[in-house]
């Protein structure tokens, strides 16, 4: 089976999410990568070095510069004539492209897989991760998105894949790139951070969130996350949100401060290696998944913890 993997990138370097997708694809058979962008040769060179990759297809065209799904999906569908499966990381971009590819191929997409059980059999979460479904496809072609936290990352070095230039449909004329606002931070990005400190609605307001959470995160060199309630209340920007409708994370250590543990939030962080919860409500659901729980007033406990570090 030949599998085509979408390479997530910014035209300069590939994203870590791609490495997990390569691992998943490797369980299906021969792995080929697709680098579609503009001036993206450096990305293709990086992709060729990933262990386990047999070939890298590069489509260098201005139409693919911003990974508009309306332009990329027809290119992928064309390449699927010579591939049996299409795999994309379950990122914002991957989840935008994959359904369009599935529609063009007239097949059912299998979303957010956690494991590969056979050539066409996979597990995926349902009911916000409270149940794991085993699904089997009967379609001639597979379209799959991969939950990055469920698979080890492929080795970024050690490969020597062939790079092949490809072309396809260019600008579909259905959408256009207008602008993007990228939040810049010295902190590690949430999906790759080894330690995450998250705050909830109990932090009261943005100033209090900053005063309580930020010093602890600084001491730990951690990324900062938040519950949906904290984001909706305007304490922090949307890109801080962890949960079913935010980012799915699995750091070495996840510290949940003032977060009750609603099912939507747990779905985004319960795969963390060690979960530490601080909450004054001893019946909060977060304590059911926490490895270490502290029933205390966060406004006293967190500053004390920060001071002792």
C-alpha atoms as a PDB file:
ATOM      1  CA  UNK A   1       0.000   0.000   0.000  1.00  0.00           C
ATOM      2  CA  UNK A   2       1.315   3.441  -0.945  1.00  0.00           C
ATOM      3  CA  UNK A   3       0.398   6.275   1.398  1.00  0.00           C
ATOM      4  CA  UNK A   4       0.636   9.986   0.578  1.00  0.00           C
ATOM      5  CA  UNK A   5       1.252  12.241   3.588  1.00  0.00           C
ATOM      6  CA  UNK A   6       0.503  15.962   3.565  1.00  0.00           C
ATOM      7  CA  UNK A   7       3.519  17.890   4.900  1.00  0.00           C
ATOM      8  CA  UNK A   8       2.519  20.769   7.151  1.00  0.00           C
ATOM      9  CA  UNK A   9       4.966  23.661   6.729  1.00  0.00           C
ATOM     10  CA  UNK A  10       5.439  27.421   6.412  1.00  0.00           C
ATOM     11  CA  UNK A  11       7.468  27.269   3.170  1.00  0.00           C
ATOM     12  CA  UNK A  12      10.661  27.333   5.240  1.00  0.00           C
ATOM     13  CA  UNK A  13      10.462  24.410   7.674  1.00  0.00           C
ATOM     14  CA  UNK A  14       8.130  21.501   8.313  1.00  0.00           C
ATOM     15  CA  UNK A  15       5.937  21.255  11.402  1.00  0.00           C
ATOM     16  CA  UNK A  16       6.365  18.549  14.052  1.00  0.00           C
ATOM     17  CA  UNK A  17       2.817  17.329  13.402  1.00  0.00           C
ATOM     18  CA  UNK A  18       4.072  15.884  10.103  1.00  0.00           C
ATOM     19  CA  UNK A  19       6.443  13.515  11.910  1.00  0.00           C
ATOM     20  CA  UNK A  20       3.606  11.838  13.822  1.00  0.00           C
ATOM     21  CA  UNK A  21       1.625  11.489  10.592  1.00  0.00           C
ATOM     22  CA  UNK A  22       4.625   9.777   8.964  1.00  0.00           C
ATOM     23  CA  UNK A  23       4.746   7.250  11.815  1.00  0.00           C
ATOM     24  CA  UNK A  24       1.061   6.456  11.342  1.00  0.00           C
ATOM     25  CA  UNK A  25       1.454   6.184   7.556  1.00  0.00           C
ATOM     26  CA  UNK A  26       4.409   3.848   7.987  1.00  0.00           C
ATOM     27  CA  UNK A  27       2.089   1.301   9.582  1.00  0.00           C
ATOM     28  CA  UNK A  28       0.132   1.140   6.324  1.00  0.00           C
ATOM     29  CA  UNK A  29       3.053   0.579   3.966  1.00  0.00           C
ATOM     30  CA  UNK A  30       5.274   2.665   1.690  1.00  0.00           C
ATOM     31  CA  UNK A  31       5.332   6.355   2.647  1.00  0.00           C
ATOM     32  CA  UNK A  32       5.415   9.223   0.151  1.00  0.00           C
ATOM     33  CA  UNK A  33       5.257  12.878   1.190  1.00  0.00           C
ATOM     34  CA  UNK A  34       3.655  15.866  -0.530  1.00  0.00           C
ATOM     35  CA  UNK A  35       5.237  19.294  -0.088  1.00  0.00           C
ATOM     36  CA  UNK A  36       2.970  21.875  -1.739  1.00  0.00           C
ATOM     37  CA  UNK A  37       3.928  25.519  -1.417  1.00  0.00           C
ATOM     38  CA  UNK A  38       5.827  28.380  -2.957  1.00  0.00           C
ATOM     39  CA  UNK A  39       9.605  28.585  -2.679  1.00  0.00           C
ATOM     40  CA  UNK A  40       9.443  25.455  -0.536  1.00  0.00           C
ATOM     41  CA  UNK A  41      12.480  23.503  -1.767  1.00  0.00           C
ATOM     42  CA  UNK A  42      14.087  23.726   1.693  1.00  0.00           C
ATOM     43  CA  UNK A  43      11.037  21.969   3.158  1.00  0.00           C
ATOM     44  CA  UNK A  44      11.308  19.187   0.580  1.00  0.00           C
ATOM     45  CA  UNK A  45      14.984  18.729   1.471  1.00  0.00           C
ATOM     46  CA  UNK A  46      14.048  18.414   5.150  1.00  0.00           C
ATOM     47  CA  UNK A  47      11.226  16.012   4.333  1.00  0.00           C
ATOM     48  CA  UNK A  48      13.568  13.783   2.310  1.00  0.00           C
ATOM     49  CA  UNK A  49      15.674  13.235   5.433  1.00  0.00           C
ATOM     50  CA  UNK A  50      12.801  11.835   7.516  1.00  0.00           C
ATOM     51  CA  UNK A  51      13.408   8.183   8.333  1.00  0.00           C
ATOM     52  CA  UNK A  52      11.089   5.751   6.587  1.00  0.00           C
ATOM     53  CA  UNK A  53      10.107   8.015   3.683  1.00  0.00           C
ATOM     54  CA  UNK A  54      10.420   6.570   0.180  1.00  0.00           C
ATOM     55  CA  UNK A  55       9.679   9.595  -1.998  1.00  0.00           C
ATOM     56  CA  UNK A  56       8.907  13.301  -1.663  1.00  0.00           C
ATOM     57  CA  UNK A  57       6.625  14.993  -4.189  1.00  0.00           C
ATOM     58  CA  UNK A  58       7.138  18.752  -4.418  1.00  0.00           C
ATOM     59  CA  UNK A  59       4.572  21.062  -6.016  1.00  0.00           C
ATOM     60  CA  UNK A  60       6.078  24.555  -6.095  1.00  0.00           C
ATOM     61  CA  UNK A  61       3.474  27.064  -7.246  1.00  0.00           C
ATOM     62  CA  UNK A  62       2.191  30.399  -5.966  1.00  0.00           C
ATOM     63  CA  UNK A  63      -1.303  28.877  -5.752  1.00  0.00           C
ATOM     64  CA  UNK A  64      -0.121  26.627  -2.898  1.00  0.00           C
ATOM     65  CA  UNK A  65       1.794  29.324  -0.986  1.00  0.00           C
ATOM     66  CA  UNK A  66      -0.757  29.608   1.825  1.00  0.00           C
ATOM     67  CA  UNK A  67      -2.094  26.034   1.724  1.00  0.00           C
ATOM     68  CA  UNK A  68      -5.576  27.076   0.657  1.00  0.00           C
ATOM     69  CA  UNK A  69      -7.565  23.854   0.818  1.00  0.00           C
ATOM     70  CA  UNK A  70      -9.530  24.700  -2.326  1.00  0.00           C
ATOM     71  CA  UNK A  71      -6.273  24.689  -4.309  1.00  0.00           C
ATOM     72  CA  UNK A  72      -4.423  21.874  -2.549  1.00  0.00           C
ATOM     73  CA  UNK A  73      -7.241  19.287  -2.483  1.00  0.00           C
ATOM     74  CA  UNK A  74      -7.462  18.867  -6.306  1.00  0.00           C
ATOM     75  CA  UNK A  75      -3.679  18.364  -6.418  1.00  0.00           C
ATOM     76  CA  UNK A  76      -3.906  15.644  -3.768  1.00  0.00           C
ATOM     77  CA  UNK A  77      -6.849  13.993  -5.522  1.00  0.00           C
ATOM     78  CA  UNK A  78      -4.819  13.872  -8.746  1.00  0.00           C
ATOM     79  CA  UNK A  79      -1.858  12.236  -6.973  1.00  0.00           C
ATOM     80  CA  UNK A  80      -4.185   9.666  -5.416  1.00  0.00           C
ATOM     81  CA  UNK A  81      -4.335   7.916  -8.788  1.00  0.00           C
ATOM     82  CA  UNK A  82      -1.010   6.368  -7.745  1.00  0.00           C
ATOM     83  CA  UNK A  83      -1.614   6.068  -3.980  1.00  0.00           C
ATOM     84  CA  UNK A  84      -3.924   4.004  -1.820  1.00  0.00           C
ATOM     85  CA  UNK A  85      -4.254   6.309   1.185  1.00  0.00           C
ATOM     86  CA  UNK A  86      -3.961   9.996   2.035  1.00  0.00           C
ATOM     87  CA  UNK A  87      -2.846  10.917   5.550  1.00  0.00           C
ATOM     88  CA  UNK A  88      -2.828  14.392   7.079  1.00  0.00           C
ATOM     89  CA  UNK A  89      -2.090  15.546  10.634  1.00  0.00           C
ATOM     90  CA  UNK A  90      -5.264  16.571  12.475  1.00  0.00           C
ATOM     91  CA  UNK A  91      -4.233  20.231  12.562  1.00  0.00           C
ATOM     92  CA  UNK A  92      -6.329  23.187  11.435  1.00  0.00           C
ATOM     93  CA  UNK A  93      -4.861  22.931   7.926  1.00  0.00           C
ATOM     94  CA  UNK A  94      -5.006  19.140   7.737  1.00  0.00           C
ATOM     95  CA  UNK A  95      -8.635  19.091   8.847  1.00  0.00           C
ATOM     96  CA  UNK A  96      -9.423  21.671   6.186  1.00  0.00           C
ATOM     97  CA  UNK A  97      -7.802  19.794   3.304  1.00  0.00           C
ATOM     98  CA  UNK A  98      -8.729  16.166   4.081  1.00  0.00           C
ATOM     99  CA  UNK A  99     -12.556  16.451   3.827  1.00  0.00           C
ATOM    100  CA  UNK A 100     -12.255  18.101   0.418  1.00  0.00           C
ATOM    101  CA  UNK A 101      -9.961  15.312  -0.762  1.00  0.00           C
ATOM    102  CA  UNK A 102     -12.450  12.726   0.510  1.00  0.00           C
ATOM    103  CA  UNK A 103     -15.286  14.472  -1.330  1.00  0.00           C
ATOM    104  CA  UNK A 104     -13.317  14.595  -4.584  1.00  0.00           C
ATOM    105  CA  UNK A 105     -12.531  10.878  -4.262  1.00  0.00           C
ATOM    106  CA  UNK A 106     -16.103  10.079  -3.141  1.00  0.00           C
ATOM    107  CA  UNK A 107     -14.947   8.182  -0.051  1.00  0.00           C
ATOM    108  CA  UNK A 108     -15.592   8.416   3.680  1.00  0.00           C
ATOM    109  CA  UNK A 109     -12.953  10.189   5.762  1.00  0.00           C
ATOM    110  CA  UNK A 110     -11.631   8.535   8.931  1.00  0.00           C
ATOM    111  CA  UNK A 111     -10.850  11.310  11.374  1.00  0.00           C
ATOM    112  CA  UNK A 112      -8.452  11.747  14.269  1.00  0.00           C
ATOM    113  CA  UNK A 113      -7.150   8.171  14.421  1.00  0.00           C
ATOM    114  CA  UNK A 114      -5.371   6.925  17.546  1.00  0.00           C
ATOM    115  CA  UNK A 115      -3.940   3.676  16.184  1.00  0.00           C
ATOM    116  CA  UNK A 116      -3.636   1.524  13.073  1.00  0.00           C
ATOM    117  CA  UNK A 117      -5.062  -1.941  13.667  1.00  0.00           C
ATOM    118  CA  UNK A 118      -4.900  -3.246  10.095  1.00  0.00           C
ATOM    119  CA  UNK A 119      -4.723  -2.176   6.448  1.00  0.00           C
ATOM    120  CA  UNK A 120      -8.154  -0.574   6.709  1.00  0.00           C
ATOM    121  CA  UNK A 121      -8.898  -0.783  10.423  1.00  0.00           C
ATOM    122  CA  UNK A 122      -8.296   2.043  12.903  1.00  0.00           C
ATOM    123  CA  UNK A 123      -9.294   3.325  16.315  1.00  0.00           C
ATOM    124  CA  UNK A 124     -10.609   6.839  16.890  1.00  0.00           C
ATOM    125  CA  UNK A 125     -12.178   8.702  19.823  1.00  0.00           C
ATOM    126  CA  UNK A 126     -15.913   9.379  20.052  1.00  0.00           C
ATOM    127  CA  UNK A 127     -18.069  11.089  22.693  1.00  0.00           C
ATOM    128  CA  UNK A 128     -15.296  13.606  23.485  1.00  0.00           C
ATOM    129  CA  UNK A 129     -12.823  10.783  23.992  1.00  0.00           C
ATOM    130  CA  UNK A 130     -14.911   8.867  26.531  1.00  0.00           C
ATOM    131  CA  UNK A 131     -15.161   5.928  24.154  1.00  0.00           C
ATOM    132  CA  UNK A 132     -12.782   4.559  21.546  1.00  0.00           C
ATOM    133  CA  UNK A 133     -14.357   3.209  18.355  1.00  0.00           C
ATOM    134  CA  UNK A 134     -12.725   0.630  16.097  1.00  0.00           C
ATOM    135  CA  UNK A 135     -13.658   1.401  12.504  1.00  0.00           C
ATOM    136  CA  UNK A 136     -13.021  -0.448   9.256  1.00  0.00           C
ATOM    137  CA  UNK A 137     -13.213   1.138   5.825  1.00  0.00           C
ATOM    138  CA  UNK A 138     -14.557  -0.572   2.722  1.00  0.00           C
ATOM    139  CA  UNK A 139     -13.614   2.298   0.388  1.00  0.00           C
ATOM    140  CA  UNK A 140     -11.025   1.727  -2.374  1.00  0.00           C
ATOM    141  CA  UNK A 141      -9.040   4.774  -1.196  1.00  0.00           C
ATOM    142  CA  UNK A 142      -8.422   5.912   2.376  1.00  0.00           C
ATOM    143  CA  UNK A 143      -8.477   9.510   3.628  1.00  0.00           C
ATOM    144  CA  UNK A 144      -7.243   9.783   7.205  1.00  0.00           C
ATOM    145  CA  UNK A 145      -6.374  12.477   9.733  1.00  0.00           C
ATOM    146  CA  UNK A 146      -3.996  11.584  12.559  1.00  0.00           C
ATOM    147  CA  UNK A 147      -4.054  12.775  16.163  1.00  0.00           C
ATOM    148  CA  UNK A 148      -0.425  13.804  16.643  1.00  0.00           C
ATOM    149  CA  UNK A 149      -0.314  13.032  20.360  1.00  0.00           C
ATOM    150  CA  UNK A 150      -1.215   9.369  19.733  1.00  0.00           C
ATOM    151  CA  UNK A 151       1.861   8.493  17.662  1.00  0.00           C
ATOM    152  CA  UNK A 152       5.587   8.828  18.245  1.00  0.00           C
ATOM    153  CA  UNK A 153       7.354  11.289  15.998  1.00  0.00           C
ATOM    154  CA  UNK A 154       9.387   9.813  13.157  1.00  0.00           C
ATOM    155  CA  UNK A 155      13.118  10.487  13.241  1.00  0.00           C
ATOM    156  CA  UNK A 156      13.745  13.737  11.356  1.00  0.00           C
ATOM    157  CA  UNK A 157      17.150  12.472  10.198  1.00  0.00           C
ATOM    158  CA  UNK A 158      18.427   9.287   8.654  1.00  0.00           C
ATOM    159  CA  UNK A 159      16.377   9.170   5.466  1.00  0.00           C
ATOM    160  CA  UNK A 160      17.439   9.835   1.882  1.00  0.00           C
ATOM    161  CA  UNK A 161      14.236   9.909  -0.125  1.00  0.00           C
ATOM    162  CA  UNK A 162      14.030  10.796  -3.792  1.00  0.00           C
ATOM    163  CA  UNK A 163      12.530  14.235  -4.527  1.00  0.00           C
ATOM    164  CA  UNK A 164      10.187  14.395  -7.509  1.00  0.00           C
ATOM    165  CA  UNK A 165       8.586  17.546  -8.932  1.00  0.00           C
ATOM    166  CA  UNK A 166       4.861  17.330  -9.639  1.00  0.00           C
ATOM    167  CA  UNK A 167       2.270  19.725 -10.967  1.00  0.00           C
ATOM    168  CA  UNK A 168      -1.468  19.815 -10.997  1.00  0.00           C
ATOM    169  CA  UNK A 169      -4.474  22.113 -10.948  1.00  0.00           C
ATOM    170  CA  UNK A 170      -3.294  25.497  -9.679  1.00  0.00           C
ATOM    171  CA  UNK A 171      -5.598  28.324  -8.563  1.00  0.00           C
ATOM    172  CA  UNK A 172      -9.169  27.062  -8.399  1.00  0.00           C
ATOM    173  CA  UNK A 173     -10.452  30.620  -8.042  1.00  0.00           C
ATOM    174  CA  UNK A 174     -12.708  29.651  -5.128  1.00  0.00           C
ATOM    175  CA  UNK A 175     -10.812  31.433  -2.376  1.00  0.00           C
ATOM    176  CA  UNK A 176      -7.997  33.903  -1.889  1.00  0.00           C
ATOM    177  CA  UNK A 177      -5.527  34.622   0.862  1.00  0.00           C
ATOM    178  CA  UNK A 178      -6.123  38.008   2.505  1.00  0.00           C
ATOM    179  CA  UNK A 179      -3.955  38.191   5.610  1.00  0.00           C
ATOM    180  CA  UNK A 180      -2.895  36.363   8.747  1.00  0.00           C
ATOM    181  CA  UNK A 181      -2.149  37.439  12.288  1.00  0.00           C
ATOM    182  CA  UNK A 182       0.400  35.210  13.972  1.00  0.00           C
ATOM    183  CA  UNK A 183       0.861  35.463  17.719  1.00  0.00           C
ATOM    184  CA  UNK A 184       4.574  35.621  18.489  1.00  0.00           C
ATOM    185  CA  UNK A 185       5.864  34.282  21.773  1.00  0.00           C
ATOM    186  CA  UNK A 186       9.120  33.148  23.325  1.00  0.00           C
ATOM    187  CA  UNK A 187       7.220  30.301  24.968  1.00  0.00           C
ATOM    188  CA  UNK A 188       7.040  26.810  23.465  1.00  0.00           C
ATOM    189  CA  UNK A 189       4.042  26.184  21.218  1.00  0.00           C
ATOM    190  CA  UNK A 190       1.320  24.289  23.089  1.00  0.00           C
ATOM    191  CA  UNK A 191       1.288  21.169  20.929  1.00  0.00           C
ATOM    192  CA  UNK A 192       5.057  20.697  21.323  1.00  0.00           C
ATOM    193  CA  UNK A 193       5.574  22.002  24.892  1.00  0.00           C
ATOM    194  CA  UNK A 194       6.894  19.491  27.452  1.00  0.00           C
ATOM    195  CA  UNK A 195       5.292  21.398  30.343  1.00  0.00           C
ATOM    196  CA  UNK A 196       1.998  23.319  30.176  1.00  0.00           C
ATOM    197  CA  UNK A 197       0.445  25.522  32.855  1.00  0.00           C
ATOM    198  CA  UNK A 198      -3.275  26.099  32.223  1.00  0.00           C
ATOM    199  CA  UNK A 199      -5.716  28.402  33.941  1.00  0.00           C
ATOM    200  CA  UNK A 200      -9.486  28.372  34.152  1.00  0.00           C
ATOM    201  CA  UNK A 201     -12.387  30.711  34.789  1.00  0.00           C
ATOM    202  CA  UNK A 202     -11.527  30.858  38.496  1.00  0.00           C
ATOM    203  CA  UNK A 203      -8.700  33.293  37.636  1.00  0.00           C
ATOM    204  CA  UNK A 204     -11.383  36.072  37.511  1.00  0.00           C
ATOM    205  CA  UNK A 205      -9.892  38.313  34.788  1.00  0.00           C
ATOM    206  CA  UNK A 206      -6.981  38.734  32.387  1.00  0.00           C
ATOM    207  CA  UNK A 207      -4.860  40.714  34.853  1.00  0.00           C
ATOM    208  CA  UNK A 208      -5.213  38.043  37.542  1.00  0.00           C
ATOM    209  CA  UNK A 209      -4.488  35.313  34.995  1.00  0.00           C
ATOM    210  CA  UNK A 210      -1.271  37.110  34.068  1.00  0.00           C
ATOM    211  CA  UNK A 211      -0.259  37.648  37.707  1.00  0.00           C
ATOM    212  CA  UNK A 212      -0.881  34.046  38.813  1.00  0.00           C
ATOM    213  CA  UNK A 213      -0.146  31.840  35.797  1.00  0.00           C
ATOM    214  CA  UNK A 214       2.682  33.635  33.994  1.00  0.00           C
ATOM    215  CA  UNK A 215       5.275  33.655  36.848  1.00  0.00           C
ATOM    216  CA  UNK A 216       4.825  29.897  37.377  1.00  0.00           C
ATOM    217  CA  UNK A 217       5.112  29.219  33.649  1.00  0.00           C
ATOM    218  CA  UNK A 218       8.261  31.374  33.511  1.00  0.00           C
ATOM    219  CA  UNK A 219       9.872  29.359  36.308  1.00  0.00           C
ATOM    220  CA  UNK A 220       9.066  26.077  34.563  1.00  0.00           C
ATOM    221  CA  UNK A 221       9.798  27.233  30.999  1.00  0.00           C
ATOM    222  CA  UNK A 222       6.279  26.120  30.197  1.00  0.00           C
ATOM    223  CA  UNK A 223       3.664  26.870  27.597  1.00  0.00           C
ATOM    224  CA  UNK A 224       0.499  28.592  28.794  1.00  0.00           C
ATOM    225  CA  UNK A 225      -2.923  27.107  28.151  1.00  0.00           C
ATOM    226  CA  UNK A 226      -6.467  27.846  29.225  1.00  0.00           C
ATOM    227  CA  UNK A 227      -9.909  26.321  29.416  1.00  0.00           C
ATOM    228  CA  UNK A 228     -12.613  27.370  26.982  1.00  0.00           C
ATOM    229  CA  UNK A 229     -14.370  29.266  29.775  1.00  0.00           C
ATOM    230  CA  UNK A 230     -11.256  31.379  30.367  1.00  0.00           C
ATOM    231  CA  UNK A 231     -10.881  32.071  26.651  1.00  0.00           C
ATOM    232  CA  UNK A 232     -14.572  32.929  26.214  1.00  0.00           C
ATOM    233  CA  UNK A 233     -14.319  35.296  29.191  1.00  0.00           C
ATOM    234  CA  UNK A 234     -11.515  37.138  27.413  1.00  0.00           C
ATOM    235  CA  UNK A 235      -8.716  36.306  29.871  1.00  0.00           C
ATOM    236  CA  UNK A 236      -6.407  35.054  27.089  1.00  0.00           C
ATOM    237  CA  UNK A 237      -6.408  34.721  23.257  1.00  0.00           C
ATOM    238  CA  UNK A 238      -8.073  31.822  21.426  1.00  0.00           C
ATOM    239  CA  UNK A 239      -4.767  30.123  20.594  1.00  0.00           C
ATOM    240  CA  UNK A 240      -4.313  29.345  24.320  1.00  0.00           C
ATOM    241  CA  UNK A 241      -7.388  27.118  24.401  1.00  0.00           C
ATOM    242  CA  UNK A 242      -6.895  23.445  25.267  1.00  0.00           C
ATOM    243  CA  UNK A 243      -9.754  21.042  24.694  1.00  0.00           C
ATOM    244  CA  UNK A 244     -12.033  19.370  22.198  1.00  0.00           C
ATOM    245  CA  UNK A 245     -12.606  22.673  20.365  1.00  0.00           C
ATOM    246  CA  UNK A 246      -9.065  23.913  21.041  1.00  0.00           C
ATOM    247  CA  UNK A 247      -5.685  22.226  20.917  1.00  0.00           C
ATOM    248  CA  UNK A 248      -5.052  18.577  21.749  1.00  0.00           C
ATOM    249  CA  UNK A 249      -1.919  18.320  23.891  1.00  0.00           C
ATOM    250  CA  UNK A 250       0.053  15.561  25.609  1.00  0.00           C
ATOM    251  CA  UNK A 251       2.968  17.155  27.475  1.00  0.00           C
ATOM    252  CA  UNK A 252       5.186  15.491  30.054  1.00  0.00           C
ATOM    253  CA  UNK A 253       3.524  17.635  32.749  1.00  0.00           C
ATOM    254  CA  UNK A 254       0.153  19.399  32.606  1.00  0.00           C
ATOM    255  CA  UNK A 255      -0.735  21.727  35.490  1.00  0.00           C
ATOM    256  CA  UNK A 256      -4.434  22.629  35.638  1.00  0.00           C
ATOM    257  CA  UNK A 257      -5.108  25.626  37.871  1.00  0.00           C
ATOM    258  CA  UNK A 258      -8.663  26.647  38.686  1.00  0.00           C
ATOM    259  CA  UNK A 259     -10.028  24.312  35.997  1.00  0.00           C
ATOM    260  CA  UNK A 260     -13.041  22.226  36.982  1.00  0.00           C
ATOM    261  CA  UNK A 261     -12.413  19.587  34.322  1.00  0.00           C
ATOM    262  CA  UNK A 262     -15.365  19.751  31.953  1.00  0.00           C
ATOM    263  CA  UNK A 263     -15.445  16.843  29.509  1.00  0.00           C
ATOM    264  CA  UNK A 264     -14.516  19.120  26.586  1.00  0.00           C
ATOM    265  CA  UNK A 265     -11.328  20.218  28.351  1.00  0.00           C
ATOM    266  CA  UNK A 266     -10.373  16.710  29.463  1.00  0.00           C
ATOM    267  CA  UNK A 267     -10.620  15.532  25.849  1.00  0.00           C
ATOM    268  CA  UNK A 268      -7.742  17.859  24.988  1.00  0.00           C
ATOM    269  CA  UNK A 269      -5.261  17.009  27.744  1.00  0.00           C
ATOM    270  CA  UNK A 270      -5.987  13.676  29.409  1.00  0.00           C
ATOM    271  CA  UNK A 271      -3.185  11.942  27.472  1.00  0.00           C
ATOM    272  CA  UNK A 272      -0.616  14.073  29.336  1.00  0.00           C
ATOM    273  CA  UNK A 273       2.024  11.963  31.087  1.00  0.00           C
ATOM    274  CA  UNK A 274       1.539  13.625  34.505  1.00  0.00           C
ATOM    275  CA  UNK A 275      -1.486  15.767  35.390  1.00  0.00           C
ATOM    276  CA  UNK A 276      -1.361  18.113  38.377  1.00  0.00           C
ATOM    277  CA  UNK A 277      -4.573  19.831  39.486  1.00  0.00           C
ATOM    278  CA  UNK A 278      -5.036  22.735  41.890  1.00  0.00           C
ATOM    279  CA  UNK A 279      -8.649  23.517  42.756  1.00  0.00           C
ATOM    280  CA  UNK A 280     -10.500  24.453  45.944  1.00  0.00           C
ATOM    281  CA  UNK A 281     -13.446  22.203  45.018  1.00  0.00           C
ATOM    282  CA  UNK A 282     -12.520  18.687  46.090  1.00  0.00           C
ATOM    283  CA  UNK A 283     -15.341  17.269  43.944  1.00  0.00           C
ATOM    284  CA  UNK A 284     -14.103  18.881  40.726  1.00  0.00           C
ATOM    285  CA  UNK A 285     -13.988  16.338  37.843  1.00  0.00           C
ATOM    286  CA  UNK A 286     -10.367  17.268  37.108  1.00  0.00           C
ATOM    287  CA  UNK A 287      -9.278  15.287  40.175  1.00  0.00           C
ATOM    288  CA  UNK A 288     -10.585  12.079  38.572  1.00  0.00           C
ATOM    289  CA  UNK A 289      -7.843  12.209  35.933  1.00  0.00           C
ATOM    290  CA  UNK A 290      -5.148  13.993  37.956  1.00  0.00           C
ATOM    291  CA  UNK A 291      -2.041  12.116  39.082  1.00  0.00           C
ATOM    292  CA  UNK A 292      -1.426  14.763  41.751  1.00  0.00           C
ATOM    293  CA  UNK A 293      -4.250  16.824  43.224  1.00  0.00           C
ATOM    294  CA  UNK A 294      -4.101  19.769  45.622  1.00  0.00           C
ATOM    295  CA  UNK A 295      -7.340  21.006  47.187  1.00  0.00           C
ATOM    296  CA  UNK A 296      -6.468  24.593  47.971  1.00  0.00           C
ATOM    297  CA  UNK A 297      -7.140  28.234  47.167  1.00  0.00           C
ATOM    298  CA  UNK A 298      -5.133  28.825  43.997  1.00  0.00           C
ATOM    299  CA  UNK A 299      -4.516  32.468  44.910  1.00  0.00           C
ATOM    300  CA  UNK A 300      -2.470  31.280  47.885  1.00  0.00           C
ATOM    301  CA  UNK A 301      -1.099  27.955  46.659  1.00  0.00           C
ATOM    302  CA  UNK A 302       0.210  29.018  43.242  1.00  0.00           C
ATOM    303  CA  UNK A 303       2.257  32.039  44.421  1.00  0.00           C
ATOM    304  CA  UNK A 304       3.731  29.871  47.202  1.00  0.00           C
ATOM    305  CA  UNK A 305       4.632  27.168  44.678  1.00  0.00           C
ATOM    306  CA  UNK A 306       6.166  29.736  42.333  1.00  0.00           C
ATOM    307  CA  UNK A 307       8.217  31.234  45.149  1.00  0.00           C
ATOM    308  CA  UNK A 308       9.658  27.862  46.193  1.00  0.00           C
ATOM    309  CA  UNK A 309      10.731  26.874  42.666  1.00  0.00           C
END
